[in-house]
Amino acid sequence: MIKEVSEALDFLDSPNVNGAAVVARVQGAGPVEASWRTIPGERGSTDFVRFFFPGTSGKSSGGSSPTLGIIGRLGGIGARPQVIGLVSDGDGAVTAVACALKLAAMAAAGDRLPGDVIITTHICPDAPTEPHEPVPFMGSPVDMRTMNAHEVDPAMDAILTVDTTRGNRIINQRGFAVSPTVKEGYILRVSEDLLTIMQIVTGRAPAVFAITTQDITPYGNGVYHLNSILQPATATAAPVVGVALTTETAVPGSASGASQFADIEAAARFCIEVAKAYGAGRCSFYDANEYRRLLSLYGALRHFQTRGRSDNE
């Protein structure tokens, strides 16, 4: 995916890029159902983009193959005027757009996947920044509930959420790492199928990053979050896995010049390979029988998908 990642990095690194331009670029690569929408917020606006690739036996055509969602999570691709250029936080969008370019090119060549694939992200070249420990984060023009409303599609049967996860000391190696599967408040075991695909794609031992209960609760509840990578899990019953772009040292999300081409390319290639396997029934995000056993033993944990009790309760 060298061509697609290079193209995404190049045209997203602009103060004038918007949803319309991204949609037009992907449509130029091959057949795709694409749309975009500008959503205003308290600190500006952003353009949400959505790409839909129908599968040969996907649900959109009456088939039974499951639908994979790929979400490019970020606050913004730029922090202008404070920072000139594509920022580290923008790599989630870069990965998502590169995946869309690749699937469009594959469809043009006649390579359609078995299952439907939905890719969403948002495009904001002038997002705000905000303080965070150990390094500053990128903020967003819109709140997390709005992001989830436009990025988490009810048709997604499983979700890969790709996010730059460099501003921490939790995962200390360069490349990308995956999270345990999160489903309706449960942090489940890491998918063995995803680990297998990861080691095939990278040629290295798979990497997993640690998450806590705090990380799978909604933003705005007053507790610390590693970052927003698992926020889509608060808005769906589908299993969600984070795909984190990582570094050995803590890198601010608002830093320019921090995008690592090879890491983005590997993460994007991983997402495409998961899409192939998941739609073909060769990749499971979680063990359904074990999940039912957990529910019978401990009950539902969907309250972790909410902001919880108020301070007065």
C-alpha atoms as a PDB file:
ATOM      1  CA  MET A   1       0.000   0.000   0.000  1.00  0.00           C
ATOM      2  CA  ILE A   2       2.948   2.302  -0.615  1.00  0.00           C
ATOM      3  CA  LYS A   3       1.121   4.239  -3.332  1.00  0.00           C
ATOM      4  CA  GLU A   4      -2.093   4.722  -1.350  1.00  0.00           C
ATOM      5  CA  VAL A   5      -0.398   5.826   1.882  1.00  0.00           C
ATOM      6  CA  SER A   6       1.894   8.184  -0.014  1.00  0.00           C
ATOM      7  CA  GLU A   7      -1.085   9.717  -1.794  1.00  0.00           C
ATOM      8  CA  ALA A   8      -3.091  10.090   1.425  1.00  0.00           C
ATOM      9  CA  LEU A   9      -0.174  11.710   3.267  1.00  0.00           C
ATOM     10  CA  ASP A  10       0.397  14.120   0.404  1.00  0.00           C
ATOM     11  CA  PHE A  11      -3.092  15.463  -0.196  1.00  0.00           C
ATOM     12  CA  LEU A  12      -4.169  15.523   3.470  1.00  0.00           C
ATOM     13  CA  ASP A  13      -1.182  17.753   4.297  1.00  0.00           C
ATOM     14  CA  SER A  14      -2.890  20.938   3.154  1.00  0.00           C
ATOM     15  CA  PRO A  15      -4.692  23.825   4.851  1.00  0.00           C
ATOM     16  CA  ASN A  16      -7.384  23.653   2.160  1.00  0.00           C
ATOM     17  CA  VAL A  17      -8.240  19.953   2.183  1.00  0.00           C
ATOM     18  CA  ASN A  18     -11.873  19.114   2.957  1.00  0.00           C
ATOM     19  CA  GLY A  19     -14.368  16.287   2.784  1.00  0.00           C
ATOM     20  CA  ALA A  20     -15.341  17.025  -0.808  1.00  0.00           C
ATOM     21  CA  ALA A  21     -11.719  16.779  -1.971  1.00  0.00           C
ATOM     22  CA  VAL A  22     -11.160  13.501  -0.124  1.00  0.00           C
ATOM     23  CA  VAL A  23     -14.323  11.956  -1.550  1.00  0.00           C
ATOM     24  CA  ALA A  24     -13.395  13.062  -5.064  1.00  0.00           C
ATOM     25  CA  ARG A  25      -9.886  11.595  -4.722  1.00  0.00           C
ATOM     26  CA  VAL A  26     -11.160   8.207  -3.575  1.00  0.00           C
ATOM     27  CA  GLN A  27     -13.876   8.120  -6.243  1.00  0.00           C
ATOM     28  CA  GLY A  28     -11.155   8.738  -8.810  1.00  0.00           C
ATOM     29  CA  ALA A  29      -9.437   5.511  -7.720  1.00  0.00           C
ATOM     30  CA  GLY A  30     -12.375   3.209  -8.400  1.00  0.00           C
ATOM     31  CA  PRO A  31     -16.051   2.439  -7.733  1.00  0.00           C
ATOM     32  CA  VAL A  32     -17.208   3.423  -4.256  1.00  0.00           C
ATOM     33  CA  GLU A  33     -20.314   4.825  -2.607  1.00  0.00           C
ATOM     34  CA  ALA A  34     -18.997   7.963  -0.901  1.00  0.00           C
ATOM     35  CA  SER A  35     -20.447  10.919   0.959  1.00  0.00           C
ATOM     36  CA  TRP A  36     -19.328  13.782   3.158  1.00  0.00           C
ATOM     37  CA  ARG A  37     -20.960  16.245   5.512  1.00  0.00           C
ATOM     38  CA  THR A  38     -19.757  19.371   7.298  1.00  0.00           C
ATOM     39  CA  ILE A  39     -20.651  19.394  10.993  1.00  0.00           C
ATOM     40  CA  PRO A  40     -20.189  22.580  13.038  1.00  0.00           C
ATOM     41  CA  GLY A  41     -19.128  22.533  16.686  1.00  0.00           C
ATOM     42  CA  GLU A  42     -18.281  24.917  19.482  1.00  0.00           C
ATOM     43  CA  ARG A  43     -14.656  25.153  18.335  1.00  0.00           C
ATOM     44  CA  GLY A  44     -15.020  25.175  14.554  1.00  0.00           C
ATOM     45  CA  SER A  45     -16.237  22.547  12.109  1.00  0.00           C
ATOM     46  CA  THR A  46     -15.096  19.330  10.488  1.00  0.00           C
ATOM     47  CA  ASP A  47     -16.057  17.235   7.473  1.00  0.00           C
ATOM     48  CA  PHE A  48     -17.107  13.644   8.121  1.00  0.00           C
ATOM     49  CA  VAL A  49     -16.526  11.291   5.196  1.00  0.00           C
ATOM     50  CA  ARG A  50     -18.001   7.833   4.611  1.00  0.00           C
ATOM     51  CA  PHE A  51     -16.991   5.196   2.068  1.00  0.00           C
ATOM     52  CA  PHE A  52     -19.013   2.059   1.370  1.00  0.00           C
ATOM     53  CA  PHE A  53     -17.654  -0.929  -0.551  1.00  0.00           C
ATOM     54  CA  PRO A  54     -20.267  -3.622  -1.274  1.00  0.00           C
ATOM     55  CA  GLY A  55     -19.050  -7.216  -1.023  1.00  0.00           C
ATOM     56  CA  THR A  56     -19.765 -10.085  -3.368  1.00  0.00           C
ATOM     57  CA  SER A  57     -21.859 -11.743  -0.657  1.00  0.00           C
ATOM     58  CA  GLY A  58     -22.366  -8.762   1.601  1.00  0.00           C
ATOM     59  CA  LYS A  59     -25.524  -7.927   3.484  1.00  0.00           C
ATOM     60  CA  SER A  60     -26.230  -4.956   1.211  1.00  0.00           C
ATOM     61  CA  SER A  61     -26.861  -7.396  -1.661  1.00  0.00           C
ATOM     62  CA  GLY A  62     -28.813  -9.939   0.371  1.00  0.00           C
ATOM     63  CA  GLY A  63     -25.820 -12.072   1.356  1.00  0.00           C
ATOM     64  CA  SER A  64     -24.744 -13.213   4.788  1.00  0.00           C
ATOM     65  CA  SER A  65     -21.082 -12.135   4.951  1.00  0.00           C
ATOM     66  CA  PRO A  66     -20.436  -9.799   7.895  1.00  0.00           C
ATOM     67  CA  THR A  67     -19.657  -6.111   7.506  1.00  0.00           C
ATOM     68  CA  LEU A  68     -16.377  -4.647   8.751  1.00  0.00           C
ATOM     69  CA  GLY A  69     -16.080  -1.046   9.859  1.00  0.00           C
ATOM     70  CA  ILE A  70     -12.767   0.825   9.715  1.00  0.00           C
ATOM     71  CA  ILE A  71     -12.784   4.108  11.626  1.00  0.00           C
ATOM     72  CA  GLY A  72      -9.989   6.659  11.384  1.00  0.00           C
ATOM     73  CA  ARG A  73     -10.047   8.184  14.881  1.00  0.00           C
ATOM     74  CA  LEU A  74      -8.525  11.605  15.521  1.00  0.00           C
ATOM     75  CA  GLY A  75      -9.098  15.091  16.753  1.00  0.00           C
ATOM     76  CA  GLY A  76      -7.787  16.746  13.604  1.00  0.00           C
ATOM     77  CA  ILE A  77      -5.275  16.327  10.793  1.00  0.00           C
ATOM     78  CA  GLY A  78      -3.874  19.793  11.485  1.00  0.00           C
ATOM     79  CA  ALA A  79      -3.652  22.407  14.237  1.00  0.00           C
ATOM     80  CA  ARG A  80      -3.381  25.535  12.131  1.00  0.00           C
ATOM     81  CA  PRO A  81      -2.453  28.310  12.742  1.00  0.00           C
ATOM     82  CA  GLN A  82      -0.480  27.104  15.785  1.00  0.00           C
ATOM     83  CA  VAL A  83       1.157  24.239  13.861  1.00  0.00           C
ATOM     84  CA  ILE A  84       1.842  24.152  10.123  1.00  0.00           C
ATOM     85  CA  GLY A  85       1.515  20.781   8.431  1.00  0.00           C
ATOM     86  CA  LEU A  86      -0.004  17.377   9.059  1.00  0.00           C
ATOM     87  CA  VAL A  87       0.115  16.517  12.761  1.00  0.00           C
ATOM     88  CA  SER A  88       0.804  13.169  14.400  1.00  0.00           C
ATOM     89  CA  ASP A  89      -2.848  12.832  15.411  1.00  0.00           C
ATOM     90  CA  GLY A  90      -3.887  12.887  11.749  1.00  0.00           C
ATOM     91  CA  ASP A  91      -2.487   9.446  11.016  1.00  0.00           C
ATOM     92  CA  GLY A  92      -5.783   7.744  11.863  1.00  0.00           C
ATOM     93  CA  ALA A  93      -7.389   9.651   8.996  1.00  0.00           C
ATOM     94  CA  VAL A  94      -4.405   8.942   6.740  1.00  0.00           C
ATOM     95  CA  THR A  95      -4.763   5.213   7.388  1.00  0.00           C
ATOM     96  CA  ALA A  96      -8.523   5.225   6.783  1.00  0.00           C
ATOM     97  CA  VAL A  97      -8.231   7.206   3.546  1.00  0.00           C
ATOM     98  CA  ALA A  98      -5.393   4.948   2.330  1.00  0.00           C
ATOM     99  CA  CYS A  99      -7.617   1.918   2.987  1.00  0.00           C
ATOM    100  CA  ALA A 100     -10.419   3.552   1.002  1.00  0.00           C
ATOM    101  CA  LEU A 101      -8.050   4.259  -1.896  1.00  0.00           C
ATOM    102  CA  LYS A 102      -6.840   0.658  -1.863  1.00  0.00           C
ATOM    103  CA  LEU A 103     -10.323  -0.893  -1.783  1.00  0.00           C
ATOM    104  CA  ALA A 104     -11.444   1.420  -4.593  1.00  0.00           C
ATOM    105  CA  ALA A 105      -8.451   0.404  -6.722  1.00  0.00           C
ATOM    106  CA  MET A 106      -9.072  -3.267  -5.950  1.00  0.00           C
ATOM    107  CA  ALA A 107     -12.724  -2.944  -6.960  1.00  0.00           C
ATOM    108  CA  ALA A 108     -11.701  -1.244 -10.219  1.00  0.00           C
ATOM    109  CA  ALA A 109      -9.422  -4.192 -10.955  1.00  0.00           C
ATOM    110  CA  GLY A 110     -12.186  -6.692 -10.189  1.00  0.00           C
ATOM    111  CA  ASP A 111     -11.049  -7.721  -6.695  1.00  0.00           C
ATOM    112  CA  ARG A 112     -14.127  -7.292  -4.494  1.00  0.00           C
ATOM    113  CA  LEU A 113     -14.131  -8.629  -0.975  1.00  0.00           C
ATOM    114  CA  PRO A 114     -16.796 -11.090   0.265  1.00  0.00           C
ATOM    115  CA  GLY A 115     -18.244  -8.787   2.926  1.00  0.00           C
ATOM    116  CA  ASP A 116     -19.275  -5.145   2.834  1.00  0.00           C
ATOM    117  CA  VAL A 117     -16.725  -2.659   4.199  1.00  0.00           C
ATOM    118  CA  ILE A 118     -17.559   0.765   5.644  1.00  0.00           C
ATOM    119  CA  ILE A 119     -14.793   3.323   6.217  1.00  0.00           C
ATOM    120  CA  THR A 120     -15.379   6.559   8.113  1.00  0.00           C
ATOM    121  CA  THR A 121     -13.231   9.399   9.417  1.00  0.00           C
ATOM    122  CA  HIS A 122     -13.264  13.188   9.545  1.00  0.00           C
ATOM    123  CA  ILE A 123     -11.166  15.915   7.953  1.00  0.00           C
ATOM    124  CA  CYS A 124     -10.189  19.033   9.913  1.00  0.00           C
ATOM    125  CA  PRO A 125      -6.938  20.863   9.050  1.00  0.00           C
ATOM    126  CA  ASP A 126      -7.362  23.471  11.805  1.00  0.00           C
ATOM    127  CA  ALA A 127      -8.443  21.616  14.956  1.00  0.00           C
ATOM    128  CA  PRO A 128      -7.732  22.968  18.467  1.00  0.00           C
ATOM    129  CA  THR A 129      -5.182  21.499  20.882  1.00  0.00           C
ATOM    130  CA  GLU A 130      -5.655  20.667  24.553  1.00  0.00           C
ATOM    131  CA  PRO A 131      -3.439  19.805  27.533  1.00  0.00           C
ATOM    132  CA  HIS A 132      -2.849  16.148  28.456  1.00  0.00           C
ATOM    133  CA  GLU A 133      -0.239  14.172  30.343  1.00  0.00           C
ATOM    134  CA  PRO A 134       2.462  13.231  29.465  1.00  0.00           C
ATOM    135  CA  VAL A 135       2.219  15.279  26.221  1.00  0.00           C
ATOM    136  CA  PRO A 136      -0.429  17.593  24.688  1.00  0.00           C
ATOM    137  CA  PHE A 137      -3.347  16.128  22.745  1.00  0.00           C
ATOM    138  CA  MET A 138      -5.201  17.356  19.716  1.00  0.00           C
ATOM    139  CA  GLY A 139      -8.692  18.492  20.488  1.00  0.00           C
ATOM    140  CA  SER A 140     -11.636  18.460  18.090  1.00  0.00           C
ATOM    141  CA  PRO A 141     -14.155  20.993  16.811  1.00  0.00           C
ATOM    142  CA  VAL A 142     -16.999  18.632  17.787  1.00  0.00           C
ATOM    143  CA  ASP A 143     -17.646  16.504  20.851  1.00  0.00           C
ATOM    144  CA  MET A 144     -17.183  12.747  21.061  1.00  0.00           C
ATOM    145  CA  ARG A 145     -20.883  11.960  20.934  1.00  0.00           C
ATOM    146  CA  THR A 146     -21.113  13.792  17.605  1.00  0.00           C
ATOM    147  CA  MET A 147     -18.053  11.934  16.298  1.00  0.00           C
ATOM    148  CA  ASN A 148     -19.517   8.562  17.201  1.00  0.00           C
ATOM    149  CA  ALA A 149     -22.848   9.482  15.624  1.00  0.00           C
ATOM    150  CA  HIS A 150     -21.132  10.082  12.272  1.00  0.00           C
ATOM    151  CA  GLU A 151     -18.386   7.452  12.413  1.00  0.00           C
ATOM    152  CA  VAL A 152     -20.033   4.420  14.048  1.00  0.00           C
ATOM    153  CA  ASP A 153     -22.462   2.891  11.560  1.00  0.00           C
ATOM    154  CA  PRO A 154     -25.146   0.477  12.839  1.00  0.00           C
ATOM    155  CA  ALA A 155     -24.357  -1.776   9.864  1.00  0.00           C
ATOM    156  CA  MET A 156     -20.830  -2.446  11.171  1.00  0.00           C
ATOM    157  CA  ASP A 157     -20.701  -5.985  12.607  1.00  0.00           C
ATOM    158  CA  ALA A 158     -17.141  -5.482  13.889  1.00  0.00           C
ATOM    159  CA  ILE A 159     -14.935  -2.399  14.040  1.00  0.00           C
ATOM    160  CA  LEU A 160     -11.253  -1.586  13.721  1.00  0.00           C
ATOM    161  CA  THR A 161     -10.627   1.873  15.143  1.00  0.00           C
ATOM    162  CA  VAL A 162      -7.276   3.296  14.032  1.00  0.00           C
ATOM    163  CA  ASP A 163      -5.746   6.068  16.118  1.00  0.00           C
ATOM    164  CA  THR A 164      -2.353   7.612  16.706  1.00  0.00           C
ATOM    165  CA  THR A 165      -1.390   6.404  20.196  1.00  0.00           C
ATOM    166  CA  ARG A 166       2.031   7.950  20.660  1.00  0.00           C
ATOM    167  CA  GLY A 167       1.422  10.320  23.571  1.00  0.00           C
ATOM    168  CA  ASN A 168       1.871   7.780  26.371  1.00  0.00           C
ATOM    169  CA  ARG A 169       4.275   5.407  28.105  1.00  0.00           C
ATOM    170  CA  ILE A 170       1.971   2.373  27.927  1.00  0.00           C
ATOM    171  CA  ILE A 171       3.183   0.900  24.643  1.00  0.00           C
ATOM    172  CA  ASN A 172       6.848   1.645  24.030  1.00  0.00           C
ATOM    173  CA  GLN A 173       7.720   0.368  20.588  1.00  0.00           C
ATOM    174  CA  ARG A 174       7.439   1.854  17.117  1.00  0.00           C
ATOM    175  CA  GLY A 175       4.944   0.411  14.681  1.00  0.00           C
ATOM    176  CA  PHE A 176       1.383  -0.476  15.491  1.00  0.00           C
ATOM    177  CA  ALA A 177      -0.326  -2.504  18.197  1.00  0.00           C
ATOM    178  CA  VAL A 178      -3.808  -3.908  18.727  1.00  0.00           C
ATOM    179  CA  SER A 179      -6.032  -3.819  21.794  1.00  0.00           C
ATOM    180  CA  PRO A 180      -8.056  -6.538  23.453  1.00  0.00           C
ATOM    181  CA  THR A 181     -11.554  -6.758  21.993  1.00  0.00           C
ATOM    182  CA  VAL A 182     -14.102  -4.493  23.667  1.00  0.00           C
ATOM    183  CA  LYS A 183     -17.799  -5.341  23.538  1.00  0.00           C
ATOM    184  CA  GLU A 184     -20.606  -3.660  25.481  1.00  0.00           C
ATOM    185  CA  GLY A 185     -18.499  -2.831  28.524  1.00  0.00           C
ATOM    186  CA  TYR A 186     -16.444  -6.028  28.570  1.00  0.00           C
ATOM    187  CA  ILE A 187     -12.717  -6.084  27.868  1.00  0.00           C
ATOM    188  CA  LEU A 188     -12.379  -9.513  26.269  1.00  0.00           C
ATOM    189  CA  ARG A 189      -9.323 -11.594  25.405  1.00  0.00           C
ATOM    190  CA  VAL A 190      -7.197 -10.538  22.471  1.00  0.00           C
ATOM    191  CA  SER A 191      -8.354 -12.096  19.202  1.00  0.00           C
ATOM    192  CA  GLU A 192      -5.983 -14.865  18.143  1.00  0.00           C
ATOM    193  CA  ASP A 193      -7.079 -14.398  14.523  1.00  0.00           C
ATOM    194  CA  LEU A 194      -6.078 -10.736  14.581  1.00  0.00           C
ATOM    195  CA  LEU A 195      -2.718 -11.612  16.141  1.00  0.00           C
ATOM    196  CA  THR A 196      -2.100 -14.120  13.351  1.00  0.00           C
ATOM    197  CA  ILE A 197      -2.905 -11.563  10.651  1.00  0.00           C
ATOM    198  CA  MET A 198      -0.717  -8.994  12.387  1.00  0.00           C
ATOM    199  CA  GLN A 199       2.335 -11.226  12.506  1.00  0.00           C
ATOM    200  CA  ILE A 200       1.860 -12.186   8.860  1.00  0.00           C
ATOM    201  CA  VAL A 201       1.599  -8.533   7.810  1.00  0.00           C
ATOM    202  CA  THR A 202       4.542  -7.288   9.872  1.00  0.00           C
ATOM    203  CA  GLY A 203       6.799 -10.358   9.871  1.00  0.00           C
ATOM    204  CA  ARG A 204       7.302  -9.750  13.575  1.00  0.00           C
ATOM    205  CA  ALA A 205       5.780 -10.914  16.835  1.00  0.00           C
ATOM    206  CA  PRO A 206       2.394  -9.232  17.356  1.00  0.00           C
ATOM    207  CA  ALA A 207       2.128  -6.288  19.750  1.00  0.00           C
ATOM    208  CA  VAL A 208      -0.772  -5.641  22.140  1.00  0.00           C
ATOM    209  CA  PHE A 209      -1.337  -2.461  24.136  1.00  0.00           C
ATOM    210  CA  ALA A 210      -2.901  -2.402  27.571  1.00  0.00           C
ATOM    211  CA  ILE A 211      -6.267  -0.767  28.194  1.00  0.00           C
ATOM    212  CA  THR A 212      -8.237  -0.127  31.374  1.00  0.00           C
ATOM    213  CA  THR A 213     -11.891   0.222  32.266  1.00  0.00           C
ATOM    214  CA  GLN A 214     -11.482   4.003  32.118  1.00  0.00           C
ATOM    215  CA  ASP A 215     -10.462   3.807  28.468  1.00  0.00           C
ATOM    216  CA  ILE A 216     -13.730   2.154  27.392  1.00  0.00           C
ATOM    217  CA  THR A 217     -15.988   4.697  29.126  1.00  0.00           C
ATOM    218  CA  PRO A 218     -17.265   7.806  27.317  1.00  0.00           C
ATOM    219  CA  TYR A 219     -15.269  11.023  27.258  1.00  0.00           C
ATOM    220  CA  GLY A 220     -16.549  13.744  29.556  1.00  0.00           C
ATOM    221  CA  ASN A 221     -17.022  11.603  32.674  1.00  0.00           C
ATOM    222  CA  GLY A 222     -14.044  13.093  34.492  1.00  0.00           C
ATOM    223  CA  VAL A 223     -11.697  10.065  34.403  1.00  0.00           C
ATOM    224  CA  TYR A 224      -8.369   9.661  32.613  1.00  0.00           C
ATOM    225  CA  HIS A 225      -8.348   8.061  29.157  1.00  0.00           C
ATOM    226  CA  LEU A 226      -5.269   6.771  27.349  1.00  0.00           C
ATOM    227  CA  ASN A 227      -6.743   8.462  24.272  1.00  0.00           C
ATOM    228  CA  SER A 228      -9.901   8.272  22.172  1.00  0.00           C
ATOM    229  CA  ILE A 229      -9.059   5.070  20.319  1.00  0.00           C
ATOM    230  CA  LEU A 230     -11.819   3.018  21.970  1.00  0.00           C
ATOM    231  CA  GLN A 231     -14.505   5.688  22.110  1.00  0.00           C
ATOM    232  CA  PRO A 232     -16.419   3.982  19.255  1.00  0.00           C
ATOM    233  CA  ALA A 233     -16.954   1.056  21.653  1.00  0.00           C
ATOM    234  CA  THR A 234     -19.218   3.293  23.755  1.00  0.00           C
ATOM    235  CA  ALA A 235     -21.661   3.673  20.866  1.00  0.00           C
ATOM    236  CA  THR A 236     -22.171   0.161  19.506  1.00  0.00           C
ATOM    237  CA  ALA A 237     -22.933  -3.427  20.431  1.00  0.00           C
ATOM    238  CA  ALA A 238     -20.391  -4.621  17.848  1.00  0.00           C
ATOM    239  CA  PRO A 239     -16.956  -5.863  18.976  1.00  0.00           C
ATOM    240  CA  VAL A 240     -14.319  -3.140  18.686  1.00  0.00           C
ATOM    241  CA  VAL A 241     -10.538  -3.465  18.431  1.00  0.00           C
ATOM    242  CA  GLY A 242      -8.138  -0.560  18.561  1.00  0.00           C
ATOM    243  CA  VAL A 243      -5.292  -0.343  16.043  1.00  0.00           C
ATOM    244  CA  ALA A 244      -2.765   1.998  17.627  1.00  0.00           C
ATOM    245  CA  LEU A 245       0.079   3.706  15.773  1.00  0.00           C
ATOM    246  CA  THR A 246       2.843   3.711  18.365  1.00  0.00           C
ATOM    247  CA  THR A 247       6.339   4.976  19.181  1.00  0.00           C
ATOM    248  CA  GLU A 248       9.142   4.230  21.644  1.00  0.00           C
ATOM    249  CA  THR A 249       8.896   7.726  23.151  1.00  0.00           C
ATOM    250  CA  ALA A 250       5.952   9.966  23.973  1.00  0.00           C
ATOM    251  CA  VAL A 251       5.151  12.170  20.963  1.00  0.00           C
ATOM    252  CA  PRO A 252       2.559  14.980  21.156  1.00  0.00           C
ATOM    253  CA  GLY A 253      -0.496  14.487  18.978  1.00  0.00           C
ATOM    254  CA  SER A 254      -0.118  18.102  17.894  1.00  0.00           C
ATOM    255  CA  ALA A 255       3.469  17.627  16.646  1.00  0.00           C
ATOM    256  CA  SER A 256       4.186  17.931  12.936  1.00  0.00           C
ATOM    257  CA  GLY A 257       6.789  15.840  11.144  1.00  0.00           C
ATOM    258  CA  ALA A 258       5.953  12.818  13.337  1.00  0.00           C
ATOM    259  CA  SER A 259       4.132  10.607  10.802  1.00  0.00           C
ATOM    260  CA  GLN A 260       6.029   7.367  10.195  1.00  0.00           C
ATOM    261  CA  PHE A 261       5.314   6.187   6.663  1.00  0.00           C
ATOM    262  CA  ALA A 262       6.239   2.533   7.187  1.00  0.00           C
ATOM    263  CA  ASP A 263       4.096   2.254  10.321  1.00  0.00           C
ATOM    264  CA  ILE A 264       1.021   3.738   8.639  1.00  0.00           C
ATOM    265  CA  GLU A 265       1.513   1.464   5.631  1.00  0.00           C
ATOM    266  CA  ALA A 266       1.716  -1.640   7.832  1.00  0.00           C
ATOM    267  CA  ALA A 267      -1.379  -0.623   9.828  1.00  0.00           C
ATOM    268  CA  ALA A 268      -3.342   0.068   6.644  1.00  0.00           C
ATOM    269  CA  ARG A 269      -2.266  -3.252   5.122  1.00  0.00           C
ATOM    270  CA  PHE A 270      -3.349  -4.976   8.335  1.00  0.00           C
ATOM    271  CA  CYS A 271      -6.811  -3.408   8.074  1.00  0.00           C
ATOM    272  CA  ILE A 272      -7.196  -4.559   4.477  1.00  0.00           C
ATOM    273  CA  GLU A 273      -6.132  -8.111   5.354  1.00  0.00           C
ATOM    274  CA  VAL A 274      -8.590  -8.188   8.257  1.00  0.00           C
ATOM    275  CA  ALA A 275     -11.328  -7.007   5.893  1.00  0.00           C
ATOM    276  CA  LYS A 276     -10.546  -9.875   3.509  1.00  0.00           C
ATOM    277  CA  ALA A 277     -10.542 -12.510   6.266  1.00  0.00           C
ATOM    278  CA  TYR A 278     -13.490 -11.168   8.274  1.00  0.00           C
ATOM    279  CA  GLY A 279     -15.848 -11.014   5.318  1.00  0.00           C
ATOM    280  CA  ALA A 280     -14.823 -14.545   4.331  1.00  0.00           C
ATOM    281  CA  GLY A 281     -15.572 -15.900   7.806  1.00  0.00           C
ATOM    282  CA  ARG A 282     -11.926 -16.613   8.585  1.00  0.00           C
ATOM    283  CA  CYS A 283     -11.445 -14.032  11.327  1.00  0.00           C
ATOM    284  CA  SER A 284     -13.317 -13.680  14.613  1.00  0.00           C
ATOM    285  CA  PHE A 285     -13.018 -10.688  16.911  1.00  0.00           C
ATOM    286  CA  TYR A 286     -14.245 -12.632  19.965  1.00  0.00           C
ATOM    287  CA  ASP A 287     -15.525 -15.992  21.160  1.00  0.00           C
ATOM    288  CA  ALA A 288     -19.332 -15.722  21.131  1.00  0.00           C
ATOM    289  CA  ASN A 289     -19.815 -18.738  23.410  1.00  0.00           C
ATOM    290  CA  GLU A 290     -17.410 -17.382  25.998  1.00  0.00           C
ATOM    291  CA  TYR A 291     -19.105 -13.986  25.843  1.00  0.00           C
ATOM    292  CA  ARG A 292     -22.477 -15.596  26.529  1.00  0.00           C
ATOM    293  CA  ARG A 293     -20.889 -17.435  29.461  1.00  0.00           C
ATOM    294  CA  LEU A 294     -19.631 -14.146  30.890  1.00  0.00           C
ATOM    295  CA  LEU A 295     -23.107 -12.650  30.575  1.00  0.00           C
ATOM    296  CA  SER A 296     -24.654 -15.604  32.371  1.00  0.00           C
ATOM    297  CA  LEU A 297     -22.080 -15.399  35.180  1.00  0.00           C
ATOM    298  CA  TYR A 298     -21.733 -11.645  35.658  1.00  0.00           C
ATOM    299  CA  GLY A 299     -24.520  -9.948  33.744  1.00  0.00           C
ATOM    300  CA  ALA A 300     -24.445  -7.089  31.263  1.00  0.00           C
ATOM    301  CA  LEU A 301     -21.854  -4.316  31.610  1.00  0.00           C
ATOM    302  CA  ARG A 302     -23.445  -1.871  29.201  1.00  0.00           C
ATOM    303  CA  HIS A 303     -23.490   0.774  31.922  1.00  0.00           C
ATOM    304  CA  PHE A 304     -19.795   1.299  31.126  1.00  0.00           C
ATOM    305  CA  GLN A 305     -20.934   2.637  27.759  1.00  0.00           C
ATOM    306  CA  THR A 306     -22.691   5.489  29.553  1.00  0.00           C
ATOM    307  CA  ARG A 307     -21.369   8.402  31.597  1.00  0.00           C
ATOM    308  CA  GLY A 308     -22.544   6.611  34.718  1.00  0.00           C
ATOM    309  CA  ARG A 309     -24.285   8.060  37.742  1.00  0.00           C
ATOM    310  CA  SER A 310     -24.328  11.781  38.344  1.00  0.00           C
ATOM    311  CA  ASP A 311     -22.301  13.246  41.178  1.00  0.00           C
ATOM    312  CA  ASN A 312     -25.501  13.668  43.184  1.00  0.00           C
ATOM    313  CA  GLU A 313     -26.458   9.992  43.062  1.00  0.00           C
END
